[in-house]
Amino acid sequence: MSQEIEIGLGKKGRLGYALDDVAIVPSRRTRDPEDVSTSWQIDAYEFDVPVIGAPMDSVTSPATAIAMGKMGALGVLDLEGLWTRYEDPTPLLDEIAGLPADQATERIQQIYAEPVKPELITQRLHEIRAAGVTVAGALSPQRTQQFYSTVVDAGVDLFVIRGTVVSAEHVSSGQEPLNLKKFIYDLDVPVIVGGASNYTAALHLMRTGAAGVLVGFGGGAVERLDFFPDLAVGLAAERLALAVDADDRLMQAVRPDVIFRILGHISRPRTFGTASDRRFEHRRA
């Protein structure tokens, strides 16, 4: 039953619940941890740990992606970050970490003014491939058409198209937008796309043929909508609704960017059936 509240004169909105609004309560039956499997699968790739590393310079480096892969999770490298702009970005990352607040924005803009180099995209993905783990890289919709052939040729296993908000039908008068449905259809690599902030937008992304949909604002691993209450969305309700549709369409509704927040949030999305959380089930003998 839909719950609508009056927002203003003549305006109504559907009541939604965020992850902070939800508590997990044990049912009448509990299960021993050794009898539970947390493995999940997207397309042909199976993982033991239901965690995806957010593609951000502050979270995932090639070494981090390799380490996560060896632990059974999925690390996703930002292919527009410093690791594809500089041969060795470590000194710059250390500098950014120590910048005072009044200088940070200007200096970060200067550092990121260096163009993305296709040869470094290839080099970084080859590094991850050589470690024997699943290779995943992320591009923004604006850069996808420019660099996708480099990414595919480098041997990526999972292609992530990720932005703050991504829609199935972007309209632009200044440039030809990315046609997600055609792009995904023509590509031989499974695509994860997002973020989508509500049920309808995510459902449209599902229909593009993507292997996975990022549910929620996809800007960063430390999503802090609590600082902007007017922008907060009911992700809990949206994910629960999407899980039902995902089952019908053999889709995965995943949300990697919540994994580096409060640890309690790792279990909450699973409760709603997102990611491959529907596979959180009794381990068969």
C-alpha atoms as a PDB file:
ATOM      1  CA  MET A   1       0.000   0.000   0.000  1.00  0.00           C
ATOM      2  CA  SER A   2       1.484   3.307  -1.071  1.00  0.00           C
ATOM      3  CA  GLN A   3       1.932   5.930   1.650  1.00  0.00           C
ATOM      4  CA  GLU A   4       1.634   9.501   0.431  1.00  0.00           C
ATOM      5  CA  ILE A   5       2.170  12.646   2.427  1.00  0.00           C
ATOM      6  CA  GLU A   6       1.327  16.232   1.558  1.00  0.00           C
ATOM      7  CA  ILE A   7       4.458  18.247   0.838  1.00  0.00           C
ATOM      8  CA  GLY A   8       2.899  21.573  -0.063  1.00  0.00           C
ATOM      9  CA  LEU A   9      -0.123  23.087  -1.699  1.00  0.00           C
ATOM     10  CA  GLY A  10      -1.264  20.582  -4.317  1.00  0.00           C
ATOM     11  CA  LYS A  11       1.894  18.501  -4.001  1.00  0.00           C
ATOM     12  CA  LYS A  12       2.164  14.983  -2.595  1.00  0.00           C
ATOM     13  CA  GLY A  13       5.043  12.574  -2.258  1.00  0.00           C
ATOM     14  CA  ARG A  14       5.496   8.912  -1.434  1.00  0.00           C
ATOM     15  CA  LEU A  15       6.898   8.175   1.992  1.00  0.00           C
ATOM     16  CA  GLY A  16      10.249   6.387   1.787  1.00  0.00           C
ATOM     17  CA  TYR A  17      12.640   4.890   4.315  1.00  0.00           C
ATOM     18  CA  ALA A  18      16.410   5.259   4.355  1.00  0.00           C
ATOM     19  CA  LEU A  19      18.769   2.622   5.716  1.00  0.00           C
ATOM     20  CA  ASP A  20      19.074   4.583   8.970  1.00  0.00           C
ATOM     21  CA  ASP A  21      15.316   4.191   9.470  1.00  0.00           C
ATOM     22  CA  VAL A  22      15.440   0.401   9.456  1.00  0.00           C
ATOM     23  CA  ALA A  23      16.403  -2.013  12.222  1.00  0.00           C
ATOM     24  CA  ILE A  24      17.003  -5.735  11.688  1.00  0.00           C
ATOM     25  CA  VAL A  25      15.037  -7.881  14.133  1.00  0.00           C
ATOM     26  CA  PRO A  26      15.694 -11.639  14.505  1.00  0.00           C
ATOM     27  CA  SER A  27      12.835 -13.900  13.476  1.00  0.00           C
ATOM     28  CA  ARG A  28      11.556 -16.946  15.379  1.00  0.00           C
ATOM     29  CA  ARG A  29      14.207 -19.097  13.675  1.00  0.00           C
ATOM     30  CA  THR A  30      17.946 -18.479  13.754  1.00  0.00           C
ATOM     31  CA  ARG A  31      20.704 -20.272  11.886  1.00  0.00           C
ATOM     32  CA  ASP A  32      24.278 -21.190  12.682  1.00  0.00           C
ATOM     33  CA  PRO A  33      26.789 -18.945  10.832  1.00  0.00           C
ATOM     34  CA  GLU A  34      28.587 -21.988   9.407  1.00  0.00           C
ATOM     35  CA  ASP A  35      25.365 -22.985   7.645  1.00  0.00           C
ATOM     36  CA  VAL A  36      24.985 -19.661   5.827  1.00  0.00           C
ATOM     37  CA  SER A  37      26.542 -18.701   2.503  1.00  0.00           C
ATOM     38  CA  THR A  38      27.265 -15.061   1.674  1.00  0.00           C
ATOM     39  CA  SER A  39      28.431 -15.834  -1.856  1.00  0.00           C
ATOM     40  CA  TRP A  40      26.839 -13.972  -4.739  1.00  0.00           C
ATOM     41  CA  GLN A  41      27.075 -13.843  -8.496  1.00  0.00           C
ATOM     42  CA  ILE A  42      26.778 -11.236 -11.205  1.00  0.00           C
ATOM     43  CA  ASP A  43      26.739 -12.506 -14.768  1.00  0.00           C
ATOM     44  CA  ALA A  44      29.309 -15.330 -14.904  1.00  0.00           C
ATOM     45  CA  TYR A  45      31.383 -14.063 -11.957  1.00  0.00           C
ATOM     46  CA  GLU A  46      30.892 -15.444  -8.460  1.00  0.00           C
ATOM     47  CA  PHE A  47      32.243 -13.903  -5.247  1.00  0.00           C
ATOM     48  CA  ASP A  48      32.469 -15.186  -1.694  1.00  0.00           C
ATOM     49  CA  VAL A  49      32.128 -11.787  -0.023  1.00  0.00           C
ATOM     50  CA  PRO A  50      29.148  -9.478  -0.787  1.00  0.00           C
ATOM     51  CA  VAL A  51      31.293  -6.348  -1.054  1.00  0.00           C
ATOM     52  CA  ILE A  52      32.232  -4.168  -4.021  1.00  0.00           C
ATOM     53  CA  GLY A  53      35.005  -1.619  -3.577  1.00  0.00           C
ATOM     54  CA  ALA A  54      33.882   1.861  -4.574  1.00  0.00           C
ATOM     55  CA  PRO A  55      35.783   3.212  -7.628  1.00  0.00           C
ATOM     56  CA  MET A  56      37.366   6.215  -5.934  1.00  0.00           C
ATOM     57  CA  ASP A  57      40.986   7.261  -5.584  1.00  0.00           C
ATOM     58  CA  SER A  58      40.426   7.524  -1.829  1.00  0.00           C
ATOM     59  CA  VAL A  59      39.240   3.904  -1.651  1.00  0.00           C
ATOM     60  CA  THR A  60      40.514   1.666  -4.445  1.00  0.00           C
ATOM     61  CA  SER A  61      43.995   1.504  -5.943  1.00  0.00           C
ATOM     62  CA  PRO A  62      45.223  -1.349  -8.155  1.00  0.00           C
ATOM     63  CA  ALA A  63      46.767  -2.935  -5.053  1.00  0.00           C
ATOM     64  CA  THR A  64      43.496  -2.542  -3.129  1.00  0.00           C
ATOM     65  CA  ALA A  65      41.490  -4.074  -5.982  1.00  0.00           C
ATOM     66  CA  ILE A  66      43.868  -7.046  -6.050  1.00  0.00           C
ATOM     67  CA  ALA A  67      43.703  -7.491  -2.281  1.00  0.00           C
ATOM     68  CA  MET A  68      39.891  -7.374  -2.311  1.00  0.00           C
ATOM     69  CA  GLY A  69      39.765  -9.882  -5.150  1.00  0.00           C
ATOM     70  CA  LYS A  70      41.981 -12.312  -3.268  1.00  0.00           C
ATOM     71  CA  MET A  71      39.685 -12.044  -0.248  1.00  0.00           C
ATOM     72  CA  GLY A  72      36.641 -12.948  -2.349  1.00  0.00           C
ATOM     73  CA  ALA A  73      35.222  -9.475  -2.958  1.00  0.00           C
ATOM     74  CA  LEU A  74      35.266  -7.245  -6.045  1.00  0.00           C
ATOM     75  CA  GLY A  75      37.519  -4.215  -6.337  1.00  0.00           C
ATOM     76  CA  VAL A  76      36.575  -1.597  -8.940  1.00  0.00           C
ATOM     77  CA  LEU A  77      39.231   0.841 -10.126  1.00  0.00           C
ATOM     78  CA  ASP A  78      38.317   4.407 -11.105  1.00  0.00           C
ATOM     79  CA  LEU A  79      39.663   4.659 -14.642  1.00  0.00           C
ATOM     80  CA  GLU A  80      39.458   8.465 -14.555  1.00  0.00           C
ATOM     81  CA  GLY A  81      41.366   8.807 -11.302  1.00  0.00           C
ATOM     82  CA  LEU A  82      44.977   9.595 -10.549  1.00  0.00           C
ATOM     83  CA  TRP A  83      46.085   6.033 -11.267  1.00  0.00           C
ATOM     84  CA  THR A  84      45.325   6.594 -14.964  1.00  0.00           C
ATOM     85  CA  ARG A  85      46.656  10.166 -15.054  1.00  0.00           C
ATOM     86  CA  TYR A  86      50.068   9.683 -13.435  1.00  0.00           C
ATOM     87  CA  GLU A  87      52.640   6.897 -13.596  1.00  0.00           C
ATOM     88  CA  ASP A  88      53.056   7.071  -9.809  1.00  0.00           C
ATOM     89  CA  PRO A  89      50.286   9.049  -8.072  1.00  0.00           C
ATOM     90  CA  THR A  90      51.281   7.987  -4.543  1.00  0.00           C
ATOM     91  CA  PRO A  91      53.057  11.280  -3.661  1.00  0.00           C
ATOM     92  CA  LEU A  92      50.059  13.260  -4.900  1.00  0.00           C
ATOM     93  CA  LEU A  93      47.619  11.143  -2.890  1.00  0.00           C
ATOM     94  CA  ASP A  94      49.760  11.716   0.200  1.00  0.00           C
ATOM     95  CA  GLU A  95      49.767  15.447  -0.547  1.00  0.00           C
ATOM     96  CA  ILE A  96      45.975  15.536  -0.918  1.00  0.00           C
ATOM     97  CA  ALA A  97      45.536  13.748   2.402  1.00  0.00           C
ATOM     98  CA  GLY A  98      47.525  16.465   4.148  1.00  0.00           C
ATOM     99  CA  LEU A  99      46.052  19.544   2.464  1.00  0.00           C
ATOM    100  CA  PRO A 100      44.412  22.144   4.739  1.00  0.00           C
ATOM    101  CA  ALA A 101      40.742  22.757   4.072  1.00  0.00           C
ATOM    102  CA  ASP A 102      41.245  26.259   2.648  1.00  0.00           C
ATOM    103  CA  GLN A 103      43.683  24.982  -0.017  1.00  0.00           C
ATOM    104  CA  ALA A 104      42.260  21.556  -0.806  1.00  0.00           C
ATOM    105  CA  THR A 105      39.785  22.426  -3.559  1.00  0.00           C
ATOM    106  CA  GLU A 106      42.163  24.516  -5.665  1.00  0.00           C
ATOM    107  CA  ARG A 107      45.054  22.086  -5.359  1.00  0.00           C
ATOM    108  CA  ILE A 108      42.908  19.026  -6.139  1.00  0.00           C
ATOM    109  CA  GLN A 109      41.613  20.772  -9.265  1.00  0.00           C
ATOM    110  CA  GLN A 110      45.206  21.390 -10.359  1.00  0.00           C
ATOM    111  CA  ILE A 111      46.174  17.753  -9.774  1.00  0.00           C
ATOM    112  CA  TYR A 112      43.179  16.369 -11.672  1.00  0.00           C
ATOM    113  CA  ALA A 113      43.785  18.719 -14.609  1.00  0.00           C
ATOM    114  CA  GLU A 114      46.270  16.145 -15.923  1.00  0.00           C
ATOM    115  CA  PRO A 115      44.536  14.221 -18.750  1.00  0.00           C
ATOM    116  CA  VAL A 116      43.637  10.540 -18.531  1.00  0.00           C
ATOM    117  CA  LYS A 117      46.150   8.438 -20.476  1.00  0.00           C
ATOM    118  CA  PRO A 118      44.831   5.374 -22.367  1.00  0.00           C
ATOM    119  CA  GLU A 119      48.140   3.544 -21.937  1.00  0.00           C
ATOM    120  CA  LEU A 120      47.824   3.864 -18.147  1.00  0.00           C
ATOM    121  CA  ILE A 121      44.279   2.465 -18.277  1.00  0.00           C
ATOM    122  CA  THR A 122      45.688  -0.576 -20.039  1.00  0.00           C
ATOM    123  CA  GLN A 123      48.625  -0.844 -17.643  1.00  0.00           C
ATOM    124  CA  ARG A 124      46.481  -0.701 -14.489  1.00  0.00           C
ATOM    125  CA  LEU A 125      43.975  -3.266 -15.712  1.00  0.00           C
ATOM    126  CA  HIS A 126      46.811  -5.573 -16.770  1.00  0.00           C
ATOM    127  CA  GLU A 127      48.258  -5.288 -13.249  1.00  0.00           C
ATOM    128  CA  ILE A 128      44.979  -6.508 -11.773  1.00  0.00           C
ATOM    129  CA  ARG A 129      44.628  -9.236 -14.411  1.00  0.00           C
ATOM    130  CA  ALA A 130      48.141 -10.517 -13.662  1.00  0.00           C
ATOM    131  CA  ALA A 131      47.124 -11.077 -10.031  1.00  0.00           C
ATOM    132  CA  GLY A 132      44.481 -13.597 -11.111  1.00  0.00           C
ATOM    133  CA  VAL A 133      41.397 -11.779  -9.784  1.00  0.00           C
ATOM    134  CA  THR A 134      38.268 -10.458 -11.499  1.00  0.00           C
ATOM    135  CA  VAL A 135      39.047  -7.200 -13.319  1.00  0.00           C
ATOM    136  CA  ALA A 136      36.560  -4.332 -12.994  1.00  0.00           C
ATOM    137  CA  GLY A 137      36.962  -0.690 -13.996  1.00  0.00           C
ATOM    138  CA  ALA A 138      34.659   2.320 -13.894  1.00  0.00           C
ATOM    139  CA  LEU A 139      34.100   5.245 -16.234  1.00  0.00           C
ATOM    140  CA  SER A 140      31.621   8.107 -16.050  1.00  0.00           C
ATOM    141  CA  PRO A 141      28.947   8.298 -18.772  1.00  0.00           C
ATOM    142  CA  GLN A 142      30.731  11.381 -20.167  1.00  0.00           C
ATOM    143  CA  ARG A 143      33.994   9.466 -20.735  1.00  0.00           C
ATOM    144  CA  THR A 144      32.583   6.054 -21.661  1.00  0.00           C
ATOM    145  CA  GLN A 145      32.483   6.566 -25.435  1.00  0.00           C
ATOM    146  CA  GLN A 146      35.993   8.041 -25.394  1.00  0.00           C
ATOM    147  CA  PHE A 147      37.714   5.226 -23.497  1.00  0.00           C
ATOM    148  CA  TYR A 148      35.499   2.124 -23.643  1.00  0.00           C
ATOM    149  CA  SER A 149      37.465   0.464 -26.459  1.00  0.00           C
ATOM    150  CA  THR A 150      40.696   0.872 -24.468  1.00  0.00           C
ATOM    151  CA  VAL A 151      39.025  -0.670 -21.409  1.00  0.00           C
ATOM    152  CA  VAL A 152      37.606  -3.629 -23.333  1.00  0.00           C
ATOM    153  CA  ASP A 153      40.844  -4.263 -25.208  1.00  0.00           C
ATOM    154  CA  ALA A 154      42.692  -4.310 -21.872  1.00  0.00           C
ATOM    155  CA  GLY A 155      40.639  -7.341 -20.867  1.00  0.00           C
ATOM    156  CA  VAL A 156      38.188  -5.975 -18.296  1.00  0.00           C
ATOM    157  CA  ASP A 157      35.735  -8.560 -16.907  1.00  0.00           C
ATOM    158  CA  LEU A 158      33.098  -6.163 -15.557  1.00  0.00           C
ATOM    159  CA  PHE A 159      32.562  -2.676 -17.010  1.00  0.00           C
ATOM    160  CA  VAL A 160      31.102  -0.153 -14.552  1.00  0.00           C
ATOM    161  CA  ILE A 161      29.430   3.029 -15.821  1.00  0.00           C
ATOM    162  CA  ARG A 162      28.982   5.187 -12.764  1.00  0.00           C
ATOM    163  CA  GLY A 163      27.921   8.732 -12.069  1.00  0.00           C
ATOM    164  CA  THR A 164      26.242  10.692  -9.309  1.00  0.00           C
ATOM    165  CA  VAL A 165      22.909  10.157 -11.056  1.00  0.00           C
ATOM    166  CA  VAL A 166      22.634   8.100 -14.260  1.00  0.00           C
ATOM    167  CA  SER A 167      19.450   7.741 -16.299  1.00  0.00           C
ATOM    168  CA  ALA A 168      18.567   5.450 -19.170  1.00  0.00           C
ATOM    169  CA  GLU A 169      17.669   8.450 -21.357  1.00  0.00           C
ATOM    170  CA  HIS A 170      19.945  11.456 -20.914  1.00  0.00           C
ATOM    171  CA  VAL A 171      19.050  14.547 -22.936  1.00  0.00           C
ATOM    172  CA  SER A 172      21.662  17.061 -24.086  1.00  0.00           C
ATOM    173  CA  SER A 173      21.537  19.832 -26.691  1.00  0.00           C
ATOM    174  CA  GLY A 174      25.313  20.306 -26.634  1.00  0.00           C
ATOM    175  CA  GLN A 175      26.532  16.785 -27.383  1.00  0.00           C
ATOM    176  CA  GLU A 176      25.262  13.374 -28.337  1.00  0.00           C
ATOM    177  CA  PRO A 177      24.478  11.511 -25.092  1.00  0.00           C
ATOM    178  CA  LEU A 178      25.444   7.914 -24.425  1.00  0.00           C
ATOM    179  CA  ASN A 179      22.740   5.538 -25.637  1.00  0.00           C
ATOM    180  CA  LEU A 180      22.963   2.982 -22.834  1.00  0.00           C
ATOM    181  CA  LYS A 181      20.667   0.409 -24.379  1.00  0.00           C
ATOM    182  CA  LYS A 182      22.539   0.311 -27.683  1.00  0.00           C
ATOM    183  CA  PHE A 183      25.943   0.540 -25.997  1.00  0.00           C
ATOM    184  CA  ILE A 184      25.278  -2.374 -23.646  1.00  0.00           C
ATOM    185  CA  TYR A 185      23.733  -4.451 -26.437  1.00  0.00           C
ATOM    186  CA  ASP A 186      26.799  -4.012 -28.657  1.00  0.00           C
ATOM    187  CA  LEU A 187      29.308  -4.638 -25.873  1.00  0.00           C
ATOM    188  CA  ASP A 188      30.574  -8.162 -25.172  1.00  0.00           C
ATOM    189  CA  VAL A 189      31.412  -7.315 -21.543  1.00  0.00           C
ATOM    190  CA  PRO A 190      28.856  -7.326 -18.674  1.00  0.00           C
ATOM    191  CA  VAL A 191      27.968  -3.791 -17.601  1.00  0.00           C
ATOM    192  CA  ILE A 192      27.042  -2.446 -14.160  1.00  0.00           C
ATOM    193  CA  VAL A 193      25.429   0.991 -14.313  1.00  0.00           C
ATOM    194  CA  GLY A 194      24.216   3.626 -11.855  1.00  0.00           C
ATOM    195  CA  GLY A 195      23.458   5.320  -9.598  1.00  0.00           C
ATOM    196  CA  ALA A 196      19.734   5.535  -9.692  1.00  0.00           C
ATOM    197  CA  SER A 197      17.989   7.369  -6.882  1.00  0.00           C
ATOM    198  CA  ASN A 198      14.523   5.860  -7.175  1.00  0.00           C
ATOM    199  CA  TYR A 199      12.582   2.809  -8.292  1.00  0.00           C
ATOM    200  CA  THR A 200      11.508   4.117 -11.702  1.00  0.00           C
ATOM    201  CA  ALA A 201      14.974   5.271 -12.746  1.00  0.00           C
ATOM    202  CA  ALA A 202      16.549   1.973 -11.657  1.00  0.00           C
ATOM    203  CA  LEU A 203      13.868  -0.020 -13.458  1.00  0.00           C
ATOM    204  CA  HIS A 204      14.657   1.828 -16.693  1.00  0.00           C
ATOM    205  CA  LEU A 205      18.350   1.063 -16.220  1.00  0.00           C
ATOM    206  CA  MET A 206      17.481  -2.615 -15.790  1.00  0.00           C
ATOM    207  CA  ARG A 207      15.749  -2.564 -19.141  1.00  0.00           C
ATOM    208  CA  THR A 208      18.922  -1.417 -20.887  1.00  0.00           C
ATOM    209  CA  GLY A 209      20.277  -4.942 -20.439  1.00  0.00           C
ATOM    210  CA  ALA A 210      22.799  -4.098 -17.728  1.00  0.00           C
ATOM    211  CA  ALA A 211      24.068  -6.969 -15.600  1.00  0.00           C
ATOM    212  CA  GLY A 212      23.807  -4.805 -12.489  1.00  0.00           C
ATOM    213  CA  VAL A 213      22.251  -1.543 -11.333  1.00  0.00           C
ATOM    214  CA  LEU A 214      23.740   0.737  -8.675  1.00  0.00           C
ATOM    215  CA  VAL A 215      20.864   1.877  -6.483  1.00  0.00           C
ATOM    216  CA  GLY A 216      21.331   5.236  -4.793  1.00  0.00           C
ATOM    217  CA  PHE A 217      23.270   8.394  -5.496  1.00  0.00           C
ATOM    218  CA  GLY A 218      26.496   7.020  -6.935  1.00  0.00           C
ATOM    219  CA  GLY A 219      28.912   9.848  -6.312  1.00  0.00           C
ATOM    220  CA  GLY A 220      31.146   8.334  -3.693  1.00  0.00           C
ATOM    221  CA  ALA A 221      31.858   5.604  -1.240  1.00  0.00           C
ATOM    222  CA  VAL A 222      31.036   7.829   1.695  1.00  0.00           C
ATOM    223  CA  GLU A 223      27.532   8.805   0.684  1.00  0.00           C
ATOM    224  CA  ARG A 224      26.470  11.378   3.286  1.00  0.00           C
ATOM    225  CA  LEU A 225      22.963  12.429   2.342  1.00  0.00           C
ATOM    226  CA  ASP A 226      22.304  13.051   6.048  1.00  0.00           C
ATOM    227  CA  PHE A 227      24.094  16.396   5.565  1.00  0.00           C
ATOM    228  CA  PHE A 228      21.501  17.273   2.897  1.00  0.00           C
ATOM    229  CA  PRO A 229      18.102  16.186   4.235  1.00  0.00           C
ATOM    230  CA  ASP A 230      16.288  17.760   1.282  1.00  0.00           C
ATOM    231  CA  LEU A 231      18.149  15.373  -1.048  1.00  0.00           C
ATOM    232  CA  ALA A 232      17.755  12.235   1.037  1.00  0.00           C
ATOM    233  CA  VAL A 233      15.951   9.384  -0.669  1.00  0.00           C
ATOM    234  CA  GLY A 234      14.218   6.305   0.676  1.00  0.00           C
ATOM    235  CA  LEU A 235      16.857   3.819  -0.429  1.00  0.00           C
ATOM    236  CA  ALA A 236      15.538   1.073   1.810  1.00  0.00           C
ATOM    237  CA  ALA A 237      12.095   1.147   0.205  1.00  0.00           C
ATOM    238  CA  GLU A 238      13.518   1.541  -3.301  1.00  0.00           C
ATOM    239  CA  ARG A 239      15.873  -1.423  -2.908  1.00  0.00           C
ATOM    240  CA  LEU A 240      13.185  -3.674  -1.547  1.00  0.00           C
ATOM    241  CA  ALA A 241      10.901  -2.902  -4.490  1.00  0.00           C
ATOM    242  CA  LEU A 242      13.740  -3.370  -6.963  1.00  0.00           C
ATOM    243  CA  ALA A 243      14.672  -6.737  -5.496  1.00  0.00           C
ATOM    244  CA  VAL A 244      11.287  -8.096  -6.533  1.00  0.00           C
ATOM    245  CA  ASP A 245      11.680  -6.828 -10.098  1.00  0.00           C
ATOM    246  CA  ALA A 246      15.281  -8.005 -10.170  1.00  0.00           C
ATOM    247  CA  ASP A 247      14.176 -11.554  -9.464  1.00  0.00           C
ATOM    248  CA  ASP A 248      11.717 -11.397 -12.350  1.00  0.00           C
ATOM    249  CA  ARG A 249      14.342 -10.047 -14.748  1.00  0.00           C
ATOM    250  CA  LEU A 250      17.298 -12.124 -13.519  1.00  0.00           C
ATOM    251  CA  MET A 251      18.956  -8.843 -12.593  1.00  0.00           C
ATOM    252  CA  GLN A 252      21.109  -7.768  -9.673  1.00  0.00           C
ATOM    253  CA  ALA A 253      20.308  -4.519  -7.870  1.00  0.00           C
ATOM    254  CA  VAL A 254      23.614  -3.667  -6.255  1.00  0.00           C
ATOM    255  CA  ARG A 255      24.882  -0.717  -4.284  1.00  0.00           C
ATOM    256  CA  PRO A 256      28.628  -0.754  -3.705  1.00  0.00           C
ATOM    257  CA  ASP A 257      28.971   2.769  -2.409  1.00  0.00           C
ATOM    258  CA  VAL A 258      27.483   2.014   1.002  1.00  0.00           C
ATOM    259  CA  ILE A 259      30.100  -0.532   1.988  1.00  0.00           C
ATOM    260  CA  PHE A 260      32.584   1.872   3.526  1.00  0.00           C
ATOM    261  CA  ARG A 261      30.011   3.602   5.703  1.00  0.00           C
ATOM    262  CA  ILE A 262      28.806   2.328   9.061  1.00  0.00           C
ATOM    263  CA  LEU A 263      29.279  -1.429   9.249  1.00  0.00           C
ATOM    264  CA  GLY A 264      25.645  -1.928  10.173  1.00  0.00           C
ATOM    265  CA  HIS A 265      24.688  -0.784   6.675  1.00  0.00           C
ATOM    266  CA  ILE A 266      26.360  -3.818   5.140  1.00  0.00           C
ATOM    267  CA  SER A 267      23.723  -6.128   6.523  1.00  0.00           C
ATOM    268  CA  ARG A 268      20.743  -3.849   5.980  1.00  0.00           C
ATOM    269  CA  PRO A 269      20.774  -3.798   2.150  1.00  0.00           C
ATOM    270  CA  ARG A 270      21.073  -7.583   2.212  1.00  0.00           C
ATOM    271  CA  THR A 271      17.868  -7.741   4.211  1.00  0.00           C
ATOM    272  CA  PHE A 272      16.044  -6.026   1.337  1.00  0.00           C
ATOM    273  CA  GLY A 273      17.334  -8.501  -1.255  1.00  0.00           C
ATOM    274  CA  THR A 274      19.730  -6.147  -3.024  1.00  0.00           C
ATOM    275  CA  ALA A 275      23.055  -7.072  -4.549  1.00  0.00           C
ATOM    276  CA  SER A 276      23.010 -10.838  -4.721  1.00  0.00           C
ATOM    277  CA  ASP A 277      21.530 -10.750  -1.291  1.00  0.00           C
ATOM    278  CA  ARG A 278      18.787 -13.084  -2.384  1.00  0.00           C
ATOM    279  CA  ARG A 279      21.545 -15.678  -2.439  1.00  0.00           C
ATOM    280  CA  PHE A 280      22.095 -15.211   1.286  1.00  0.00           C
ATOM    281  CA  GLU A 281      20.625 -18.597   2.006  1.00  0.00           C
ATOM    282  CA  HIS A 282      21.089 -21.892   3.742  1.00  0.00           C
ATOM    283  CA  ARG A 283      24.204 -23.612   2.428  1.00  0.00           C
ATOM    284  CA  ARG A 284      23.274 -26.829   0.714  1.00  0.00           C
ATOM    285  CA  ALA A 285      25.219 -29.946   1.704  1.00  0.00           C
END
